[in-house]
PDB file of N, CA and C in Angstrom:
ATOM      1  N   MET A   1       3.967  25.458  -0.454  1.00  0.00           N
ATOM      2  CA  MET A   1       5.083  25.121  -0.721  1.00  0.00           C
ATOM      3  C   MET A   1       5.147  24.468  -2.107  1.00  0.00           C
ATOM      4  N   SER A   2       5.855  25.321  -3.416  1.00  0.00           N
ATOM      5  CA  SER A   2       5.851  24.517  -4.531  1.00  0.00           C
ATOM      6  C   SER A   2       7.231  24.091  -4.650  1.00  0.00           C
ATOM      7  N   ALA A   3       7.610  23.247  -5.449  1.00  0.00           N
ATOM      8  CA  ALA A   3       8.825  22.102  -5.844  1.00  0.00           C
ATOM      9  C   ALA A   3       9.422  22.599  -6.645  1.00  0.00           C
ATOM     10  N   PRO A   4      10.669  22.878  -6.414  1.00  0.00           N
ATOM     11  CA  PRO A   4      11.276  23.255  -7.701  1.00  0.00           C
ATOM     12  C   PRO A   4      11.574  22.082  -8.676  1.00  0.00           C
ATOM     13  N   LEU A   5      11.201  20.997  -8.528  1.00  0.00           N
ATOM     14  CA  LEU A   5      11.409  19.874  -9.269  1.00  0.00           C
ATOM     15  C   LEU A   5       9.797  19.651  -9.882  1.00  0.00           C
ATOM     16  N   GLN A   6      10.101  19.081 -11.235  1.00  0.00           N
ATOM     17  CA  GLN A   6       8.839  18.233 -11.894  1.00  0.00           C
ATOM     18  C   GLN A   6       9.119  16.888 -12.008  1.00  0.00           C
ATOM     19  N   PRO A   7       8.226  16.370 -11.292  1.00  0.00           N
ATOM     20  CA  PRO A   7       8.610  14.634 -11.237  1.00  0.00           C
ATOM     21  C   PRO A   7       8.108  14.389 -12.917  1.00  0.00           C
ATOM     22  N   LEU A   8       8.675  13.126 -13.367  1.00  0.00           N
ATOM     23  CA  LEU A   8       8.232  12.829 -14.755  1.00  0.00           C
ATOM     24  C   LEU A   8       7.377  11.191 -14.143  1.00  0.00           C
ATOM     25  N   GLY A   9       6.581  10.707 -15.263  1.00  0.00           N
ATOM     26  CA  GLY A   9       5.788   9.618 -14.991  1.00  0.00           C
ATOM     27  C   GLY A   9       5.234   9.226 -13.706  1.00  0.00           C
ATOM     28  N   ASP A  10       5.545   8.426 -13.113  1.00  0.00           N
ATOM     29  CA  ASP A  10       4.616   8.396 -11.806  1.00  0.00           C
ATOM     30  C   ASP A  10       5.117   8.659 -10.529  1.00  0.00           C
ATOM     31  N   TYR A  11       6.513   9.309 -10.634  1.00  0.00           N
ATOM     32  CA  TYR A  11       6.880   9.588  -9.280  1.00  0.00           C
ATOM     33  C   TYR A  11       6.171  11.056  -8.592  1.00  0.00           C
ATOM     34  N   VAL A  12       6.221  11.077  -7.397  1.00  0.00           N
ATOM     35  CA  VAL A  12       5.798  12.219  -6.801  1.00  0.00           C
ATOM     36  C   VAL A  12       7.139  12.771  -5.952  1.00  0.00           C
ATOM     37  N   VAL A  13       7.084  14.056  -5.670  1.00  0.00           N
ATOM     38  CA  VAL A  13       7.695  14.768  -4.953  1.00  0.00           C
ATOM     39  C   VAL A  13       7.262  15.272  -3.603  1.00  0.00           C
ATOM     40  N   ALA A  14       7.831  14.783  -2.194  1.00  0.00           N
ATOM     41  CA  ALA A  14       7.685  15.121  -1.128  1.00  0.00           C
ATOM     42  C   ALA A  14       8.559  15.722   0.017  1.00  0.00           C
ATOM     43  N   VAL A  15       7.952  16.616   0.809  1.00  0.00           N
ATOM     44  CA  VAL A  15       8.599  16.887   1.927  1.00  0.00           C
ATOM     45  C   VAL A  15       8.609  16.047   3.281  1.00  0.00           C
ATOM     46  N   GLY A  16       9.351  15.237   3.821  1.00  0.00           N
ATOM     47  CA  GLY A  16       9.648  14.298   4.487  1.00  0.00           C
ATOM     48  C   GLY A  16       9.007  15.086   5.996  1.00  0.00           C
ATOM     49  N   GLU A  17       8.469  14.506   6.848  1.00  0.00           N
ATOM     50  CA  GLU A  17       7.499  15.284   8.316  1.00  0.00           C
ATOM     51  C   GLU A  17       9.024  14.790   9.108  1.00  0.00           C
ATOM     52  N   GLU A  18       8.750  15.852  10.043  1.00  0.00           N
ATOM     53  CA  GLU A  18       9.642  15.544  11.548  1.00  0.00           C
ATOM     54  C   GLU A  18       9.554  14.654  12.312  1.00  0.00           C
ATOM     55  N   ALA A  19      10.747  13.651  12.040  1.00  0.00           N
ATOM     56  CA  ALA A  19      10.338  12.746  13.471  1.00  0.00           C
ATOM     57  C   ALA A  19      10.252  13.122  14.965  1.00  0.00           C
ATOM     58  N   GLU A  20       9.360  12.306  15.522  1.00  0.00           N
ATOM     59  CA  GLU A  20       9.546  12.540  17.199  1.00  0.00           C
ATOM     60  C   GLU A  20      10.600  12.784  17.996  1.00  0.00           C
ATOM     61  N   ASN A  21      10.927  13.764  18.652  1.00  0.00           N
ATOM     62  CA  ASN A  21      11.900  13.618  19.317  1.00  0.00           C
ATOM     63  C   ASN A  21      11.611  13.343  20.636  1.00  0.00           C
ATOM     64  N   LYS A  22      10.157  12.979  21.251  1.00  0.00           N
ATOM     65  CA  LYS A  22      10.109  12.700  22.504  1.00  0.00           C
ATOM     66  C   LYS A  22       9.037  11.611  22.620  1.00  0.00           C
ATOM     67  N   THR A  23       9.560  10.589  23.578  1.00  0.00           N
ATOM     68  CA  THR A  23       8.344   9.596  23.642  1.00  0.00           C
ATOM     69  C   THR A  23       7.283   9.829  24.369  1.00  0.00           C
ATOM     70  N   ALA A  24       6.289   8.689  24.367  1.00  0.00           N
ATOM     71  CA  ALA A  24       5.113   8.872  24.963  1.00  0.00           C
ATOM     72  C   ALA A  24       5.114   9.277  26.681  1.00  0.00           C
ATOM     73  N   SER A  25       6.429   8.615  27.233  1.00  0.00           N
ATOM     74  CA  SER A  25       6.525   8.992  28.645  1.00  0.00           C
ATOM     75  C   SER A  25       7.310  10.327  28.755  1.00  0.00           C
ATOM     76  N   GLY A  26       7.417  10.992  27.668  1.00  0.00           N
ATOM     77  CA  GLY A  26       8.269  12.296  27.952  1.00  0.00           C
ATOM     78  C   GLY A  26       9.674  12.245  27.942  1.00  0.00           C
ATOM     79  N   LEU A  27      10.297  11.113  27.305  1.00  0.00           N
ATOM     80  CA  LEU A  27      11.736  10.942  27.431  1.00  0.00           C
ATOM     81  C   LEU A  27      12.200  11.667  26.161  1.00  0.00           C
ATOM     82  N   TYR A  28      13.175  12.526  26.012  1.00  0.00           N
ATOM     83  CA  TYR A  28      13.814  13.094  24.794  1.00  0.00           C
ATOM     84  C   TYR A  28      14.724  12.075  24.016  1.00  0.00           C
ATOM     85  N   LEU A  29      14.670  11.856  22.565  1.00  0.00           N
ATOM     86  CA  LEU A  29      15.545  11.061  21.920  1.00  0.00           C
ATOM     87  C   LEU A  29      16.557  11.977  21.455  1.00  0.00           C
ATOM     88  N   PRO A  30      17.857  11.244  21.610  1.00  0.00           N
ATOM     89  CA  PRO A  30      18.975  11.900  20.540  1.00  0.00           C
ATOM     90  C   PRO A  30      18.390  11.750  19.110  1.00  0.00           C
ATOM     91  N   ASP A  31      19.220  12.699  18.423  1.00  0.00           N
ATOM     92  CA  ASP A  31      19.047  12.610  16.770  1.00  0.00           C
ATOM     93  C   ASP A  31      19.141  11.198  16.353  1.00  0.00           C
ATOM     94  N   LYS A  32      20.528  10.381  16.730  1.00  0.00           N
ATOM     95  CA  LYS A  32      20.737   9.177  16.353  1.00  0.00           C
ATOM     96  C   LYS A  32      19.621   8.113  16.736  1.00  0.00           C
ATOM     97  N   ALA A  33      19.131   8.213  17.737  1.00  0.00           N
ATOM     98  CA  ALA A  33      17.931   7.378  17.967  1.00  0.00           C
ATOM     99  C   ALA A  33      16.658   7.540  17.361  1.00  0.00           C
ATOM    100  N   GLN A  34      16.574   8.619  16.939  1.00  0.00           N
ATOM    101  CA  GLN A  34      15.147   8.834  16.015  1.00  0.00           C
ATOM    102  C   GLN A  34      15.065   8.028  15.151  1.00  0.00           C
ATOM    103  N   GLU A  35      13.847   7.581  14.812  1.00  0.00           N
ATOM    104  CA  GLU A  35      13.715   6.838  13.281  1.00  0.00           C
ATOM    105  C   GLU A  35      13.350   7.960  12.235  1.00  0.00           C
ATOM    106  N   LYS A  36      13.771   7.524  11.275  1.00  0.00           N
ATOM    107  CA  LYS A  36      13.636   8.562  10.182  1.00  0.00           C
ATOM    108  C   LYS A  36      12.055   8.526   9.752  1.00  0.00           C
ATOM    109  N   PRO A  37      11.498   9.660   9.287  1.00  0.00           N
ATOM    110  CA  PRO A  37       9.960   9.673   9.105  1.00  0.00           C
ATOM    111  C   PRO A  37       9.725   9.134   7.640  1.00  0.00           C
ATOM    112  N   LYS A  38       8.571   8.328   7.878  1.00  0.00           N
ATOM    113  CA  LYS A  38       7.968   7.480   6.641  1.00  0.00           C
ATOM    114  C   LYS A  38       6.881   8.395   6.315  1.00  0.00           C
ATOM    115  N   THR A  39       6.796   9.534   6.873  1.00  0.00           N
ATOM    116  CA  THR A  39       5.436  10.209   6.284  1.00  0.00           C
ATOM    117  C   THR A  39       5.880  11.446   5.224  1.00  0.00           C
ATOM    118  N   ALA A  40       5.307  11.750   4.995  1.00  0.00           N
ATOM    119  CA  ALA A  40       5.867  13.029   3.981  1.00  0.00           C
ATOM    120  C   ALA A  40       4.363  13.944   3.441  1.00  0.00           C
ATOM    121  N   LYS A  41       4.788  14.898   3.012  1.00  0.00           N
ATOM    122  CA  LYS A  41       3.579  15.935   2.273  1.00  0.00           C
ATOM    123  C   LYS A  41       3.979  15.973   0.897  1.00  0.00           C
ATOM    124  N   VAL A  42       3.081  15.783   0.070  1.00  0.00           N
ATOM    125  CA  VAL A  42       3.453  15.535  -1.449  1.00  0.00           C
ATOM    126  C   VAL A  42       3.626  17.168  -1.881  1.00  0.00           C
ATOM    127  N   VAL A  43       4.256  17.547  -2.295  1.00  0.00           N
ATOM    128  CA  VAL A  43       4.160  18.866  -3.065  1.00  0.00           C
ATOM    129  C   VAL A  43       4.374  18.886  -4.436  1.00  0.00           C
ATOM    130  N   ALA A  44       4.427  17.938  -5.506  1.00  0.00           N
ATOM    131  CA  ALA A  44       4.417  18.031  -6.914  1.00  0.00           C
ATOM    132  C   ALA A  44       4.296  15.860  -6.999  1.00  0.00           C
ATOM    133  N   ALA A  45       3.377  16.443  -8.231  1.00  0.00           N
ATOM    134  CA  ALA A  45       3.142  14.716  -8.926  1.00  0.00           C
ATOM    135  C   ALA A  45       3.222  14.877 -10.478  1.00  0.00           C
ATOM    136  N   GLY A  46       3.844  13.712 -10.798  1.00  0.00           N
ATOM    137  CA  GLY A  46       4.001  13.428 -12.210  1.00  0.00           C
ATOM    138  C   GLY A  46       2.727  13.446 -13.181  1.00  0.00           C
ATOM    139  N   PRO A  47       2.990  13.164 -14.545  1.00  0.00           N
ATOM    140  CA  PRO A  47       1.587  13.327 -15.110  1.00  0.00           C
ATOM    141  C   PRO A  47       1.050  11.928 -14.915  1.00  0.00           C
ATOM    142  N   ASN A  48       1.687  11.030 -14.684  1.00  0.00           N
ATOM    143  CA  ASN A  48       0.883   9.566 -14.341  1.00  0.00           C
ATOM    144  C   ASN A  48       0.908   9.156 -13.046  1.00  0.00           C
ATOM    145  N   ALA A  49       0.975   9.929 -12.408  1.00  0.00           N
ATOM    146  CA  ALA A  49       0.420   9.596 -11.010  1.00  0.00           C
ATOM    147  C   ALA A  49      -1.376   9.726 -11.039  1.00  0.00           C
ATOM    148  N   LYS A  50      -1.555   8.584 -10.668  1.00  0.00           N
ATOM    149  CA  LYS A  50      -3.090   8.598 -10.703  1.00  0.00           C
ATOM    150  C   LYS A  50      -4.222   8.736  -9.203  1.00  0.00           C
ATOM    151  N   GLN A  51      -3.573   8.254  -8.015  1.00  0.00           N
ATOM    152  CA  GLN A  51      -3.862   8.275  -6.800  1.00  0.00           C
ATOM    153  C   GLN A  51      -3.411   8.872  -5.926  1.00  0.00           C
ATOM    154  N   VAL A  52      -2.106   9.569  -6.125  1.00  0.00           N
ATOM    155  CA  VAL A  52      -1.548  10.669  -5.081  1.00  0.00           C
ATOM    156  C   VAL A  52      -1.639  11.957  -5.499  1.00  0.00           C
ATOM    157  N   LYS A  53      -2.133  13.164  -4.916  1.00  0.00           N
ATOM    158  CA  LYS A  53      -2.128  14.469  -5.240  1.00  0.00           C
ATOM    159  C   LYS A  53      -1.435  15.146  -4.610  1.00  0.00           C
ATOM    160  N   VAL A  54      -1.304  16.518  -5.033  1.00  0.00           N
ATOM    161  CA  VAL A  54      -0.508  17.813  -4.304  1.00  0.00           C
ATOM    162  C   VAL A  54      -0.966  17.976  -3.207  1.00  0.00           C
ATOM    163  N   GLY A  55      -0.341  17.739  -1.865  1.00  0.00           N
ATOM    164  CA  GLY A  55      -1.089  18.178  -0.861  1.00  0.00           C
ATOM    165  C   GLY A  55      -1.641  16.971   0.163  1.00  0.00           C
ATOM    166  N   ASP A  56      -1.365  15.547  -0.699  1.00  0.00           N
ATOM    167  CA  ASP A  56      -1.613  14.392   0.035  1.00  0.00           C
ATOM    168  C   ASP A  56      -0.402  14.175   1.314  1.00  0.00           C
ATOM    169  N   ARG A  57      -0.731  13.672   2.546  1.00  0.00           N
ATOM    170  CA  ARG A  57       0.088  13.236   3.272  1.00  0.00           C
ATOM    171  C   ARG A  57       0.104  11.914   3.023  1.00  0.00           C
ATOM    172  N   ILE A  58       1.381  11.322   2.717  1.00  0.00           N
ATOM    173  CA  ILE A  58       1.772   9.941   2.419  1.00  0.00           C
ATOM    174  C   ILE A  58       2.594   9.062   3.332  1.00  0.00           C
ATOM    175  N   VAL A  59       2.015   7.527   3.386  1.00  0.00           N
ATOM    176  CA  VAL A  59       3.258   6.770   3.990  1.00  0.00           C
ATOM    177  C   VAL A  59       3.994   6.154   2.912  1.00  0.00           C
ATOM    178  N   TYR A  60       5.277   5.929   3.218  1.00  0.00           N
ATOM    179  CA  TYR A  60       6.038   5.387   1.661  1.00  0.00           C
ATOM    180  C   TYR A  60       7.017   4.276   2.116  1.00  0.00           C
ATOM    181  N   LYS A  61       7.273   3.688   1.415  1.00  0.00           N
ATOM    182  CA  LYS A  61       8.669   2.635   1.580  1.00  0.00           C
ATOM    183  C   LYS A  61       9.952   3.418   1.875  1.00  0.00           C
ATOM    184  N   SER A  62      10.714   3.292   2.922  1.00  0.00           N
ATOM    185  CA  SER A  62      11.757   4.267   3.033  1.00  0.00           C
ATOM    186  C   SER A  62      12.896   3.921   2.568  1.00  0.00           C
ATOM    187  N   TYR A  63      12.908   2.435   1.835  1.00  0.00           N
ATOM    188  CA  TYR A  63      14.304   1.971   1.150  1.00  0.00           C
ATOM    189  C   TYR A  63      14.070   2.689  -0.402  1.00  0.00           C
ATOM    190  N   SER A  64      13.004   2.818  -0.852  1.00  0.00           N
ATOM    191  CA  SER A  64      12.902   3.057  -2.245  1.00  0.00           C
ATOM    192  C   SER A  64      12.769   4.499  -2.375  1.00  0.00           C
ATOM    193  N   THR A  65      13.377   5.406  -1.821  1.00  0.00           N
ATOM    194  CA  THR A  65      13.622   7.168  -2.002  1.00  0.00           C
ATOM    195  C   THR A  65      14.714   7.526  -2.638  1.00  0.00           C
ATOM    196  N   THR A  66      14.586   8.436  -3.243  1.00  0.00           N
ATOM    197  CA  THR A  66      15.855   8.827  -3.775  1.00  0.00           C
ATOM    198  C   THR A  66      15.869  10.548  -2.907  1.00  0.00           C
ATOM    199  N   GLU A  67      16.805  11.011  -2.157  1.00  0.00           N
ATOM    200  CA  GLU A  67      16.703  12.548  -1.512  1.00  0.00           C
ATOM    201  C   GLU A  67      17.359  13.364  -2.681  1.00  0.00           C
ATOM    202  N   VAL A  68      17.048  14.587  -2.377  1.00  0.00           N
ATOM    203  CA  VAL A  68      17.545  15.722  -3.261  1.00  0.00           C
ATOM    204  C   VAL A  68      17.371  17.063  -2.153  1.00  0.00           C
ATOM    205  N   LYS A  69      18.449  17.476  -2.122  1.00  0.00           N
ATOM    206  CA  LYS A  69      18.589  18.926  -1.479  1.00  0.00           C
ATOM    207  C   LYS A  69      18.875  19.668  -2.437  1.00  0.00           C
ATOM    208  N   ILE A  70      18.062  21.066  -2.343  1.00  0.00           N
ATOM    209  CA  ILE A  70      17.952  21.988  -3.292  1.00  0.00           C
ATOM    210  C   ILE A  70      17.737  23.356  -2.496  1.00  0.00           C
ATOM    211  N   GLY A  71      19.009  23.947  -2.320  1.00  0.00           N
ATOM    212  CA  GLY A  71      19.228  25.112  -1.668  1.00  0.00           C
ATOM    213  C   GLY A  71      19.005  24.474   0.272  1.00  0.00           C
ATOM    214  N   LYS A  72      18.018  24.984   0.813  1.00  0.00           N
ATOM    215  CA  LYS A  72      18.062  24.637   2.040  1.00  0.00           C
ATOM    216  C   LYS A  72      16.794  23.325   2.411  1.00  0.00           C
ATOM    217  N   ASN A  73      16.468  23.229   1.316  1.00  0.00           N
ATOM    218  CA  ASN A  73      15.092  22.342   1.453  1.00  0.00           C
ATOM    219  C   ASN A  73      15.714  20.988   0.854  1.00  0.00           C
ATOM    220  N   GLU A  74      14.629  19.833   1.641  1.00  0.00           N
ATOM    221  CA  GLU A  74      15.187  18.226   1.105  1.00  0.00           C
ATOM    222  C   GLU A  74      14.014  17.888   0.344  1.00  0.00           C
ATOM    223  N   TYR A  75      14.233  17.220  -0.477  1.00  0.00           N
ATOM    224  CA  TYR A  75      13.035  16.628  -1.195  1.00  0.00           C
ATOM    225  C   TYR A  75      13.078  15.210  -1.111  1.00  0.00           C
ATOM    226  N   ILE A  76      12.078  14.590  -1.197  1.00  0.00           N
ATOM    227  CA  ILE A  76      11.923  13.179  -1.434  1.00  0.00           C
ATOM    228  C   ILE A  76      11.424  12.670  -2.849  1.00  0.00           C
ATOM    229  N   LEU A  77      11.853  11.956  -3.669  1.00  0.00           N
ATOM    230  CA  LEU A  77      11.128  11.541  -4.684  1.00  0.00           C
ATOM    231  C   LEU A  77      10.848   9.646  -4.275  1.00  0.00           C
ATOM    232  N   VAL A  78       9.635   9.553  -5.010  1.00  0.00           N
ATOM    233  CA  VAL A  78       9.297   8.345  -4.670  1.00  0.00           C
ATOM    234  C   VAL A  78       8.485   7.859  -5.781  1.00  0.00           C
ATOM    235  N   LYS A  79       8.284   7.075  -6.102  1.00  0.00           N
ATOM    236  CA  LYS A  79       7.377   6.281  -7.266  1.00  0.00           C
ATOM    237  C   LYS A  79       6.057   6.041  -6.461  1.00  0.00           C
ATOM    238  N   GLU A  80       4.689   6.272  -7.221  1.00  0.00           N
ATOM    239  CA  GLU A  80       3.751   6.053  -6.658  1.00  0.00           C
ATOM    240  C   GLU A  80       3.353   4.532  -6.276  1.00  0.00           C
ATOM    241  N   GLU A  81       3.997   3.651  -7.131  1.00  0.00           N
ATOM    242  CA  GLU A  81       3.705   2.241  -6.378  1.00  0.00           C
ATOM    243  C   GLU A  81       4.640   2.038  -5.214  1.00  0.00           C
ATOM    244  N   ASP A  82       5.397   2.766  -4.784  1.00  0.00           N
ATOM    245  CA  ASP A  82       5.856   2.850  -3.674  1.00  0.00           C
ATOM    246  C   ASP A  82       5.314   3.618  -2.338  1.00  0.00           C
ATOM    247  N   VAL A  83       4.607   4.181  -2.461  1.00  0.00           N
ATOM    248  CA  VAL A  83       3.289   4.854  -1.678  1.00  0.00           C
ATOM    249  C   VAL A  83       2.334   3.822  -1.050  1.00  0.00           C
ATOM    250  N   LEU A  84       2.753   3.625   0.041  1.00  0.00           N
ATOM    251  CA  LEU A  84       1.705   2.690   0.822  1.00  0.00           C
ATOM    252  C   LEU A  84       0.269   3.020   1.231  1.00  0.00           C
ATOM    253  N   ALA A  85       0.308   4.187   1.502  1.00  0.00           N
ATOM    254  CA  ALA A  85      -1.212   4.905   1.937  1.00  0.00           C
ATOM    255  C   ALA A  85      -0.941   6.279   2.085  1.00  0.00           C
ATOM    256  N   THR A  86      -2.264   7.004   2.028  1.00  0.00           N
ATOM    257  CA  THR A  86      -2.469   8.211   2.389  1.00  0.00           C
ATOM    258  C   THR A  86      -2.930   8.408   3.791  1.00  0.00           C
ATOM    259  N   VAL A  87      -2.624   9.371   4.350  1.00  0.00           N
ATOM    260  CA  VAL A  87      -2.927   9.817   5.688  1.00  0.00           C
ATOM    261  C   VAL A  87      -3.876  10.814   5.843  1.00  0.00           C
ATOM    262  N   LYS A  88      -5.136  10.536   6.403  1.00  0.00           N
ATOM    263  CA  LYS A  88      -6.497  11.587   6.645  1.00  0.00           C
ATOM    264  C   LYS A  88      -6.170  12.323   7.678  1.00  0.00           C
TER     265      LYS A  88
END
């Protein structure tokens, strides 16, 4: 998936991953009880992003993002410094 956004500086554009809707014991959670996902897949990276690249799965600070909806897709813009880790 390519992003219709080209991030500037050290921003990255990512697509959030779905939150779990079932607990470990098998109970289904209503939408309001689900925690917002804090992991995402990077679909574009700005020219100054040094450690994060397209295709990486990242863990990010949830309060420091900008959410953008273009068409039916939702994207998350986050500064590289607010990316906490990559997921292997």
